[in-house]
Amino acid sequence: MHTRSIALATLALATLSTSVHAASVTFGNQEGGLIPWSSDIPIREFRSAVGQTAIENCAWYNLVAYITGVVPGYGNYISLTCWFPPGYDPVKAGGSFRSH
């Protein structure tokens, strides 16, 4: 039983050490957001996670995400903005900018 626990702990540690940390929005609203910069940016999976995080943040408001800036370095951020999709007309869609 003890050997099995050690084997499972070793497997879990190996999995955690090789996995890419998920990106998360530190600050985000309908205008855009900030994602903390990470040294994992050169890794394709992390860049994909950053893009997916930006898309999810803006999709919450039915908008499209655009990455506007990446400043490398510890403590810096990846910035994004949210815009209406190209060709979208809120009047034709029956939407309103005011809440009732």
PDB file of N, CA and C in Angstrom:
ATOM      1  N   MET A   1       0.819  -1.192   0.000  1.00  0.00           N
ATOM      2  CA  MET A   1       0.000   0.000   0.000  1.00  0.00           C
ATOM      3  C   MET A   1       0.861   1.252   0.000  1.00  0.00           C
ATOM      4  N   HIS A   2       1.934   1.235   0.785  1.00  0.00           N
ATOM      5  CA  HIS A   2       2.826   2.391   0.870  1.00  0.00           C
ATOM      6  C   HIS A   2       3.539   2.630  -0.462  1.00  0.00           C
ATOM      7  N   THR A   3       3.926   1.559  -1.139  1.00  0.00           N
ATOM      8  CA  THR A   3       4.594   1.675  -2.433  1.00  0.00           C
ATOM      9  C   THR A   3       3.648   2.267  -3.471  1.00  0.00           C
ATOM     10  N   ARG A   4       2.390   1.873  -3.404  1.00  0.00           N
ATOM     11  CA  ARG A   4       1.399   2.395  -4.340  1.00  0.00           C
ATOM     12  C   ARG A   4       1.201   3.902  -4.129  1.00  0.00           C
ATOM     13  N   SER A   5       1.177   4.357  -2.887  1.00  0.00           N
ATOM     14  CA  SER A   5       1.027   5.781  -2.595  1.00  0.00           C
ATOM     15  C   SER A   5       2.200   6.581  -3.133  1.00  0.00           C
ATOM     16  N   ILE A   6       3.394   6.043  -2.974  1.00  0.00           N
ATOM     17  CA  ILE A   6       4.592   6.719  -3.480  1.00  0.00           C
ATOM     18  C   ILE A   6       4.546   6.797  -5.005  1.00  0.00           C
ATOM     19  N   ALA A   7       4.111   5.717  -5.650  1.00  0.00           N
ATOM     20  CA  ALA A   7       4.030   5.711  -7.109  1.00  0.00           C
ATOM     21  C   ALA A   7       3.013   6.742  -7.600  1.00  0.00           C
ATOM     22  N   LEU A   8       1.868   6.824  -6.947  1.00  0.00           N
ATOM     23  CA  LEU A   8       0.853   7.802  -7.342  1.00  0.00           C
ATOM     24  C   LEU A   8       1.335   9.230  -7.095  1.00  0.00           C
ATOM     25  N   ALA A   9       2.027   9.460  -5.985  1.00  0.00           N
ATOM     26  CA  ALA A   9       2.552  10.796  -5.698  1.00  0.00           C
ATOM     27  C   ALA A   9       3.601  11.190  -6.729  1.00  0.00           C
ATOM     28  N   THR A  10       4.439  10.252  -7.127  1.00  0.00           N
ATOM     29  CA  THR A  10       5.464  10.523  -8.140  1.00  0.00           C
ATOM     30  C   THR A  10       4.821  10.846  -9.481  1.00  0.00           C
ATOM     31  N   LEU A  11       3.807  10.097  -9.846  1.00  0.00           N
ATOM     32  CA  LEU A  11       3.101  10.347 -11.099  1.00  0.00           C
ATOM     33  C   LEU A  11       2.421  11.714 -11.079  1.00  0.00           C
ATOM     34  N   ALA A  12       1.793  12.065  -9.968  1.00  0.00           N
ATOM     35  CA  ALA A  12       1.137  13.371  -9.857  1.00  0.00           C
ATOM     36  C   ALA A  12       2.147  14.505  -9.941  1.00  0.00           C
ATOM     37  N   LEU A  13       3.277  14.359  -9.287  1.00  0.00           N
ATOM     38  CA  LEU A  13       4.321  15.388  -9.326  1.00  0.00           C
ATOM     39  C   LEU A  13       4.880  15.548 -10.733  1.00  0.00           C
ATOM     40  N   ALA A  14       5.087  14.456 -11.430  1.00  0.00           N
ATOM     41  CA  ALA A  14       5.592  14.525 -12.802  1.00  0.00           C
ATOM     42  C   ALA A  14       4.583  15.215 -13.709  1.00  0.00           C
ATOM     43  N   THR A  15       3.313  14.921 -13.517  1.00  0.00           N
ATOM     44  CA  THR A  15       2.273  15.544 -14.330  1.00  0.00           C
ATOM     45  C   THR A  15       2.198  17.038 -14.063  1.00  0.00           C
ATOM     46  N   LEU A  16       2.253  17.426 -12.808  1.00  0.00           N
ATOM     47  CA  LEU A  16       2.174  18.841 -12.465  1.00  0.00           C
ATOM     48  C   LEU A  16       3.388  19.620 -12.936  1.00  0.00           C
ATOM     49  N   SER A  17       4.555  19.013 -12.883  1.00  0.00           N
ATOM     50  CA  SER A  17       5.763  19.735 -13.266  1.00  0.00           C
ATOM     51  C   SER A  17       5.876  19.922 -14.769  1.00  0.00           C
ATOM     52  N   THR A  18       5.210  19.086 -15.561  1.00  0.00           N
ATOM     53  CA  THR A  18       5.298  19.221 -17.011  1.00  0.00           C
ATOM     54  C   THR A  18       4.107  19.939 -17.606  1.00  0.00           C
ATOM     55  N   SER A  19       3.080  20.182 -16.819  1.00  0.00           N
ATOM     56  CA  SER A  19       1.901  20.832 -17.375  1.00  0.00           C
ATOM     57  C   SER A  19       2.104  22.334 -17.460  1.00  0.00           C
ATOM     58  N   VAL A  20       1.360  22.945 -18.347  1.00  0.00           N
ATOM     59  CA  VAL A  20       1.414  24.389 -18.532  1.00  0.00           C
ATOM     60  C   VAL A  20       0.381  25.024 -17.610  1.00  0.00           C
ATOM     61  N   HIS A  21       0.766  26.086 -16.948  1.00  0.00           N
ATOM     62  CA  HIS A  21      -0.173  26.781 -16.082  1.00  0.00           C
ATOM     63  C   HIS A  21      -1.233  27.463 -16.935  1.00  0.00           C
ATOM     64  N   ALA A  22      -2.465  27.386 -16.502  1.00  0.00           N
ATOM     65  CA  ALA A  22      -3.559  28.010 -17.240  1.00  0.00           C
ATOM     66  C   ALA A  22      -3.523  29.526 -17.070  1.00  0.00           C
ATOM     67  N   ALA A  23      -3.916  30.205 -18.105  1.00  0.00           N
ATOM     68  CA  ALA A  23      -3.977  31.662 -18.053  1.00  0.00           C
ATOM     69  C   ALA A  23      -5.305  32.078 -17.443  1.00  0.00           C
ATOM     70  N   SER A  24      -5.303  33.170 -16.721  1.00  0.00           N
ATOM     71  CA  SER A  24      -6.543  33.678 -16.147  1.00  0.00           C
ATOM     72  C   SER A  24      -6.544  35.200 -16.212  1.00  0.00           C
ATOM     73  N   VAL A  25      -7.710  35.763 -16.366  1.00  0.00           N
ATOM     74  CA  VAL A  25      -7.847  37.211 -16.438  1.00  0.00           C
ATOM     75  C   VAL A  25      -7.809  37.774 -15.024  1.00  0.00           C
ATOM     76  N   THR A  26      -6.879  38.703 -14.781  1.00  0.00           N
ATOM     77  CA  THR A  26      -6.793  39.351 -13.485  1.00  0.00           C
ATOM     78  C   THR A  26      -7.879  40.400 -13.360  1.00  0.00           C
ATOM     79  N   PHE A  27      -8.067  41.161 -14.408  1.00  0.00           N
ATOM     80  CA  PHE A  27      -9.096  42.189 -14.449  1.00  0.00           C
ATOM     81  C   PHE A  27      -9.767  42.101 -15.800  1.00  0.00           C
ATOM     82  N   GLY A  28     -11.076  42.045 -15.828  1.00  0.00           N
ATOM     83  CA  GLY A  28     -11.764  41.987 -17.103  1.00  0.00           C
ATOM     84  C   GLY A  28     -13.193  42.470 -17.001  1.00  0.00           C
ATOM     85  N   ASN A  29     -13.650  43.155 -18.032  1.00  0.00           N
ATOM     86  CA  ASN A  29     -15.039  43.594 -18.139  1.00  0.00           C
ATOM     87  C   ASN A  29     -15.375  43.704 -19.622  1.00  0.00           C
ATOM     88  N   GLN A  30     -16.476  44.399 -19.960  1.00  0.00           N
ATOM     89  CA  GLN A  30     -16.894  44.503 -21.362  1.00  0.00           C
ATOM     90  C   GLN A  30     -15.951  45.355 -22.199  1.00  0.00           C
ATOM     91  N   GLU A  31     -15.060  46.103 -21.572  1.00  0.00           N
ATOM     92  CA  GLU A  31     -14.094  46.930 -22.308  1.00  0.00           C
ATOM     93  C   GLU A  31     -12.831  46.149 -22.681  1.00  0.00           C
ATOM     94  N   GLY A  32     -12.480  45.148 -21.887  1.00  0.00           N
ATOM     95  CA  GLY A  32     -11.255  44.392 -22.124  1.00  0.00           C
ATOM     96  C   GLY A  32     -10.775  43.739 -20.853  1.00  0.00           C
ATOM     97  N   GLY A  33      -9.450  43.552 -20.753  1.00  0.00           N
ATOM     98  CA  GLY A  33      -8.926  42.905 -19.563  1.00  0.00           C
ATOM     99  C   GLY A  33      -7.422  42.813 -19.561  1.00  0.00           C
ATOM    100  N   LEU A  34      -6.906  42.258 -18.472  1.00  0.00           N
ATOM    101  CA  LEU A  34      -5.473  42.059 -18.285  1.00  0.00           C
ATOM    102  C   LEU A  34      -5.215  40.614 -17.877  1.00  0.00           C
ATOM    103  N   ILE A  35      -4.238  40.005 -18.519  1.00  0.00           N
ATOM    104  CA  ILE A  35      -3.802  38.654 -18.195  1.00  0.00           C
ATOM    105  C   ILE A  35      -2.351  38.765 -17.747  1.00  0.00           C
ATOM    106  N   PRO A  36      -1.985  38.214 -16.592  1.00  0.00           N
ATOM    107  CA  PRO A  36      -0.594  38.322 -16.140  1.00  0.00           C
ATOM    108  C   PRO A  36       0.375  37.689 -17.135  1.00  0.00           C
ATOM    109  N   TRP A  37       1.485  38.373 -17.398  1.00  0.00           N
ATOM    110  CA  TRP A  37       2.523  37.838 -18.276  1.00  0.00           C
ATOM    111  C   TRP A  37       3.198  36.680 -17.577  1.00  0.00           C
ATOM    112  N   SER A  38       3.628  35.704 -18.317  1.00  0.00           N
ATOM    113  CA  SER A  38       4.308  34.545 -17.762  1.00  0.00           C
ATOM    114  C   SER A  38       5.501  34.190 -18.638  1.00  0.00           C
ATOM    115  N   SER A  39       6.494  33.579 -18.028  1.00  0.00           N
ATOM    116  CA  SER A  39       7.656  33.136 -18.808  1.00  0.00           C
ATOM    117  C   SER A  39       7.310  31.941 -19.685  1.00  0.00           C
ATOM    118  N   ASP A  40       6.085  31.404 -19.568  1.00  0.00           N
ATOM    119  CA  ASP A  40       5.637  30.283 -20.395  1.00  0.00           C
ATOM    120  C   ASP A  40       5.127  30.731 -21.767  1.00  0.00           C
ATOM    121  N   ILE A  41       5.196  32.021 -22.075  1.00  0.00           N
ATOM    122  CA  ILE A  41       4.693  32.551 -23.352  1.00  0.00           C
ATOM    123  C   ILE A  41       5.276  31.811 -24.563  1.00  0.00           C
ATOM    124  N   PRO A  42       6.568  31.443 -24.587  1.00  0.00           N
ATOM    125  CA  PRO A  42       7.073  30.725 -25.766  1.00  0.00           C
ATOM    126  C   PRO A  42       6.409  29.363 -25.991  1.00  0.00           C
ATOM    127  N   ILE A  43       5.745  28.809 -24.990  1.00  0.00           N
ATOM    128  CA  ILE A  43       5.102  27.503 -25.129  1.00  0.00           C
ATOM    129  C   ILE A  43       3.760  27.677 -25.844  1.00  0.00           C
ATOM    130  N   ARG A  44       3.583  26.930 -26.913  1.00  0.00           N
ATOM    131  CA  ARG A  44       2.396  27.062 -27.757  1.00  0.00           C
ATOM    132  C   ARG A  44       1.103  26.850 -26.977  1.00  0.00           C
ATOM    133  N   GLU A  45       1.078  25.875 -26.072  1.00  0.00           N
ATOM    134  CA  GLU A  45      -0.132  25.591 -25.308  1.00  0.00           C
ATOM    135  C   GLU A  45      -0.511  26.768 -24.407  1.00  0.00           C
ATOM    136  N   PHE A  46       0.488  27.455 -23.846  1.00  0.00           N
ATOM    137  CA  PHE A  46       0.179  28.599 -22.992  1.00  0.00           C
ATOM    138  C   PHE A  46      -0.363  29.752 -23.824  1.00  0.00           C
ATOM    139  N   ARG A  47       0.224  29.987 -25.003  1.00  0.00           N
ATOM    140  CA  ARG A  47      -0.301  31.037 -25.876  1.00  0.00           C
ATOM    141  C   ARG A  47      -1.738  30.730 -26.264  1.00  0.00           C
ATOM    142  N   SER A  48      -2.031  29.466 -26.504  1.00  0.00           N
ATOM    143  CA  SER A  48      -3.396  29.067 -26.824  1.00  0.00           C
ATOM    144  C   SER A  48      -4.324  29.317 -25.629  1.00  0.00           C
ATOM    145  N   ALA A  49      -3.829  29.042 -24.418  1.00  0.00           N
ATOM    146  CA  ALA A  49      -4.630  29.281 -23.206  1.00  0.00           C
ATOM    147  C   ALA A  49      -4.891  30.772 -23.013  1.00  0.00           C
ATOM    148  N   VAL A  50      -3.910  31.613 -23.340  1.00  0.00           N
ATOM    149  CA  VAL A  50      -4.092  33.065 -23.240  1.00  0.00           C
ATOM    150  C   VAL A  50      -5.178  33.510 -24.216  1.00  0.00           C
ATOM    151  N   GLY A  51      -5.102  33.031 -25.438  1.00  0.00           N
ATOM    152  CA  GLY A  51      -6.116  33.376 -26.437  1.00  0.00           C
ATOM    153  C   GLY A  51      -7.499  32.905 -26.032  1.00  0.00           C
ATOM    154  N   GLN A  52      -7.595  31.689 -25.518  1.00  0.00           N
ATOM    155  CA  GLN A  52      -8.879  31.149 -25.104  1.00  0.00           C
ATOM    156  C   GLN A  52      -9.448  31.940 -23.924  1.00  0.00           C
ATOM    157  N   THR A  53      -8.578  32.350 -23.007  1.00  0.00           N
ATOM    158  CA  THR A  53      -9.022  33.145 -21.862  1.00  0.00           C
ATOM    159  C   THR A  53      -9.571  34.490 -22.326  1.00  0.00           C
ATOM    160  N   ALA A  54      -8.893  35.124 -23.276  1.00  0.00           N
ATOM    161  CA  ALA A  54      -9.363  36.403 -23.818  1.00  0.00           C
ATOM    162  C   ALA A  54     -10.704  36.228 -24.519  1.00  0.00           C
ATOM    163  N   ILE A  55     -10.835  35.178 -25.301  1.00  0.00           N
ATOM    164  CA  ILE A  55     -12.090  34.909 -26.014  1.00  0.00           C
ATOM    165  C   ILE A  55     -13.234  34.699 -25.035  1.00  0.00           C
ATOM    166  N   GLU A  56     -12.987  33.923 -23.974  1.00  0.00           N
ATOM    167  CA  GLU A  56     -14.037  33.648 -22.990  1.00  0.00           C
ATOM    168  C   GLU A  56     -14.450  34.917 -22.246  1.00  0.00           C
ATOM    169  N   ASN A  57     -13.481  35.777 -21.922  1.00  0.00           N
ATOM    170  CA  ASN A  57     -13.808  37.012 -21.219  1.00  0.00           C
ATOM    171  C   ASN A  57     -14.742  37.883 -22.063  1.00  0.00           C
ATOM    172  N   CYS A  58     -14.420  38.078 -23.324  1.00  0.00           N
ATOM    173  CA  CYS A  58     -15.227  38.950 -24.185  1.00  0.00           C
ATOM    174  C   CYS A  58     -16.525  38.275 -24.634  1.00  0.00           C
ATOM    175  N   ALA A  59     -16.509  36.965 -24.796  1.00  0.00           N
ATOM    176  CA  ALA A  59     -17.720  36.254 -25.212  1.00  0.00           C
ATOM    177  C   ALA A  59     -18.814  36.367 -24.159  1.00  0.00           C
ATOM    178  N   TRP A  60     -18.435  36.546 -22.914  1.00  0.00           N
ATOM    179  CA  TRP A  60     -19.414  36.736 -21.845  1.00  0.00           C
ATOM    180  C   TRP A  60     -20.310  37.947 -22.139  1.00  0.00           C
ATOM    181  N   TYR A  61     -19.758  38.938 -22.848  1.00  0.00           N
ATOM    182  CA  TYR A  61     -20.489  40.165 -23.193  1.00  0.00           C
ATOM    183  C   TYR A  61     -20.911  40.176 -24.666  1.00  0.00           C
ATOM    184  N   ASN A  62     -20.838  39.040 -25.342  1.00  0.00           N
ATOM    185  CA  ASN A  62     -21.168  38.900 -26.763  1.00  0.00           C
ATOM    186  C   ASN A  62     -20.294  39.790 -27.632  1.00  0.00           C
ATOM    187  N   LEU A  63     -19.015  39.868 -27.297  1.00  0.00           N
ATOM    188  CA  LEU A  63     -18.059  40.679 -28.042  1.00  0.00           C
ATOM    189  C   LEU A  63     -16.906  39.798 -28.515  1.00  0.00           C
ATOM    190  N   VAL A  64     -16.043  40.362 -29.343  1.00  0.00           N
ATOM    191  CA  VAL A  64     -14.885  39.658 -29.894  1.00  0.00           C
ATOM    192  C   VAL A  64     -13.626  40.193 -29.223  1.00  0.00           C
ATOM    193  N   ALA A  65     -12.697  39.304 -28.890  1.00  0.00           N
ATOM    194  CA  ALA A  65     -11.465  39.697 -28.190  1.00  0.00           C
ATOM    195  C   ALA A  65     -10.342  40.011 -29.172  1.00  0.00           C
ATOM    196  N   TYR A  66      -9.568  41.036 -28.822  1.00  0.00           N
ATOM    197  CA  TYR A  66      -8.361  41.395 -29.563  1.00  0.00           C
ATOM    198  C   TYR A  66      -7.233  41.599 -28.560  1.00  0.00           C
ATOM    199  N   ILE A  67      -6.124  40.873 -28.741  1.00  0.00           N
ATOM    200  CA  ILE A  67      -4.945  41.080 -27.902  1.00  0.00           C
ATOM    201  C   ILE A  67      -4.281  42.363 -28.387  1.00  0.00           C
ATOM    202  N   THR A  68      -4.109  43.328 -27.492  1.00  0.00           N
ATOM    203  CA  THR A  68      -3.571  44.624 -27.904  1.00  0.00           C
ATOM    204  C   THR A  68      -2.137  44.865 -27.474  1.00  0.00           C
ATOM    205  N   GLY A  69      -1.652  44.118 -26.505  1.00  0.00           N
ATOM    206  CA  GLY A  69      -0.279  44.346 -26.080  1.00  0.00           C
ATOM    207  C   GLY A  69       0.265  43.236 -25.219  1.00  0.00           C
ATOM    208  N   VAL A  70       1.530  42.909 -25.447  1.00  0.00           N
ATOM    209  CA  VAL A  70       2.241  41.933 -24.630  1.00  0.00           C
ATOM    210  C   VAL A  70       3.550  42.590 -24.205  1.00  0.00           C
ATOM    211  N   VAL A  71       3.690  42.840 -22.908  1.00  0.00           N
ATOM    212  CA  VAL A  71       4.909  43.440 -22.382  1.00  0.00           C
ATOM    213  C   VAL A  71       5.627  42.368 -21.577  1.00  0.00           C
ATOM    214  N   PRO A  72       6.736  41.830 -22.116  1.00  0.00           N
ATOM    215  CA  PRO A  72       7.423  40.760 -21.397  1.00  0.00           C
ATOM    216  C   PRO A  72       8.087  41.268 -20.129  1.00  0.00           C
ATOM    217  N   GLY A  73       8.109  40.424 -19.142  1.00  0.00           N
ATOM    218  CA  GLY A  73       8.783  40.750 -17.896  1.00  0.00           C
ATOM    219  C   GLY A  73       7.915  40.443 -16.695  1.00  0.00           C
ATOM    220  N   TYR A  74       8.564  40.088 -15.618  1.00  0.00           N
ATOM    221  CA  TYR A  74       7.867  39.755 -14.384  1.00  0.00           C
ATOM    222  C   TYR A  74       7.037  40.940 -13.908  1.00  0.00           C
ATOM    223  N   GLY A  75       5.773  40.695 -13.591  1.00  0.00           N
ATOM    224  CA  GLY A  75       4.884  41.742 -13.096  1.00  0.00           C
ATOM    225  C   GLY A  75       4.139  42.501 -14.174  1.00  0.00           C
ATOM    226  N   ASN A  76       4.376  42.195 -15.436  1.00  0.00           N
ATOM    227  CA  ASN A  76       3.688  42.878 -16.531  1.00  0.00           C
ATOM    228  C   ASN A  76       2.463  42.083 -16.972  1.00  0.00           C
ATOM    229  N   TYR A  77       1.720  42.638 -17.918  1.00  0.00           N
ATOM    230  CA  TYR A  77       0.451  42.049 -18.326  1.00  0.00           C
ATOM    231  C   TYR A  77       0.334  41.938 -19.840  1.00  0.00           C
ATOM    232  N   ILE A  78      -0.583  41.068 -20.258  1.00  0.00           N
ATOM    233  CA  ILE A  78      -1.030  40.973 -21.637  1.00  0.00           C
ATOM    234  C   ILE A  78      -2.390  41.670 -21.653  1.00  0.00           C
ATOM    235  N   SER A  79      -2.533  42.688 -22.479  1.00  0.00           N
ATOM    236  CA  SER A  79      -3.785  43.447 -22.485  1.00  0.00           C
ATOM    237  C   SER A  79      -4.664  43.017 -23.654  1.00  0.00           C
ATOM    238  N   LEU A  80      -5.959  43.115 -23.441  1.00  0.00           N
ATOM    239  CA  LEU A  80      -6.917  42.767 -24.481  1.00  0.00           C
ATOM    240  C   LEU A  80      -8.065  43.757 -24.459  1.00  0.00           C
ATOM    241  N   THR A  81      -8.691  43.924 -25.601  1.00  0.00           N
ATOM    242  CA  THR A  81      -9.891  44.755 -25.699  1.00  0.00           C
ATOM    243  C   THR A  81     -11.022  43.919 -26.289  1.00  0.00           C
ATOM    244  N   CYS A  82     -12.239  44.325 -25.998  1.00  0.00           N
ATOM    245  CA  CYS A  82     -13.422  43.643 -26.519  1.00  0.00           C
ATOM    246  C   CYS A  82     -14.169  44.604 -27.435  1.00  0.00           C
ATOM    247  N   TRP A  83     -14.472  44.157 -28.637  1.00  0.00           N
ATOM    248  CA  TRP A  83     -15.187  44.962 -29.618  1.00  0.00           C
ATOM    249  C   TRP A  83     -16.364  44.180 -30.148  1.00  0.00           C
ATOM    250  N   PHE A  84     -17.303  44.925 -30.773  1.00  0.00           N
ATOM    251  CA  PHE A  84     -18.378  44.245 -31.478  1.00  0.00           C
ATOM    252  C   PHE A  84     -17.787  43.519 -32.681  1.00  0.00           C
ATOM    253  N   PRO A  85     -18.385  42.391 -33.066  1.00  0.00           N
ATOM    254  CA  PRO A  85     -17.893  41.689 -34.258  1.00  0.00           C
ATOM    255  C   PRO A  85     -18.029  42.581 -35.490  1.00  0.00           C
ATOM    256  N   PRO A  86     -17.169  42.402 -36.499  1.00  0.00           N
ATOM    257  CA  PRO A  86     -17.270  43.207 -37.721  1.00  0.00           C
ATOM    258  C   PRO A  86     -18.653  43.046 -38.365  1.00  0.00           C
ATOM    259  N   GLY A  87     -19.239  44.167 -38.746  1.00  0.00           N
ATOM    260  CA  GLY A  87     -20.542  44.151 -39.399  1.00  0.00           C
ATOM    261  C   GLY A  87     -21.721  44.057 -38.447  1.00  0.00           C
ATOM    262  N   TYR A  88     -21.479  44.043 -37.148  1.00  0.00           N
ATOM    263  CA  TYR A  88     -22.574  43.940 -36.172  1.00  0.00           C
ATOM    264  C   TYR A  88     -23.239  45.293 -35.983  1.00  0.00           C
ATOM    265  N   ASP A  89     -24.560  45.292 -36.014  1.00  0.00           N
ATOM    266  CA  ASP A  89     -25.335  46.511 -35.792  1.00  0.00           C
ATOM    267  C   ASP A  89     -26.301  46.252 -34.642  1.00  0.00           C
ATOM    268  N   PRO A  90     -26.062  46.864 -33.461  1.00  0.00           N
ATOM    269  CA  PRO A  90     -26.931  46.584 -32.316  1.00  0.00           C
ATOM    270  C   PRO A  90     -28.378  47.012 -32.530  1.00  0.00           C
ATOM    271  N   VAL A  91     -28.621  48.003 -33.371  1.00  0.00           N
ATOM    272  CA  VAL A  91     -29.990  48.446 -33.628  1.00  0.00           C
ATOM    273  C   VAL A  91     -30.742  47.369 -34.417  1.00  0.00           C
ATOM    274  N   LYS A  92     -30.089  46.829 -35.453  1.00  0.00           N
ATOM    275  CA  LYS A  92     -30.716  45.764 -36.237  1.00  0.00           C
ATOM    276  C   LYS A  92     -30.890  44.495 -35.417  1.00  0.00           C
ATOM    277  N   ALA A  93     -29.984  44.278 -34.471  1.00  0.00           N
ATOM    278  CA  ALA A  93     -30.059  43.079 -33.625  1.00  0.00           C
ATOM    279  C   ALA A  93     -31.095  43.230 -32.519  1.00  0.00           C
ATOM    280  N   GLY A  94     -31.642  44.429 -32.375  1.00  0.00           N
ATOM    281  CA  GLY A  94     -32.654  44.652 -31.349  1.00  0.00           C
ATOM    282  C   GLY A  94     -32.068  44.905 -29.971  1.00  0.00           C
ATOM    283  N   GLY A  95     -30.773  45.147 -29.915  1.00  0.00           N
ATOM    284  CA  GLY A  95     -30.118  45.397 -28.638  1.00  0.00           C
ATOM    285  C   GLY A  95     -30.162  46.855 -28.269  1.00  0.00           C
ATOM    286  N   SER A  96     -29.768  47.135 -27.071  1.00  0.00           N
ATOM    287  CA  SER A  96     -29.748  48.505 -26.600  1.00  0.00           C
ATOM    288  C   SER A  96     -28.514  48.700 -25.719  1.00  0.00           C
ATOM    289  N   PHE A  97     -27.997  49.899 -25.695  1.00  0.00           N
ATOM    290  CA  PHE A  97     -26.854  50.181 -24.844  1.00  0.00           C
ATOM    291  C   PHE A  97     -27.297  50.529 -23.425  1.00  0.00           C
ATOM    292  N   ARG A  98     -28.558  50.835 -23.253  1.00  0.00           N
ATOM    293  CA  ARG A  98     -29.070  51.185 -21.935  1.00  0.00           C
ATOM    294  C   ARG A  98     -29.722  49.969 -21.307  1.00  0.00           C
ATOM    295  N   SER A  99     -29.572  49.840 -19.991  1.00  0.00           N
ATOM    296  CA  SER A  99     -30.277  48.755 -19.295  1.00  0.00           C
ATOM    297  C   SER A  99     -31.604  49.290 -18.791  1.00  0.00           C
ATOM    298  N   HIS A 100     -32.593  48.443 -18.764  1.00  0.00           N
ATOM    299  CA  HIS A 100     -33.933  48.879 -18.352  1.00  0.00           C
ATOM    300  C   HIS A 100     -34.104  48.739 -16.879  1.00  0.00           C
TER     301      HIS A 100
END
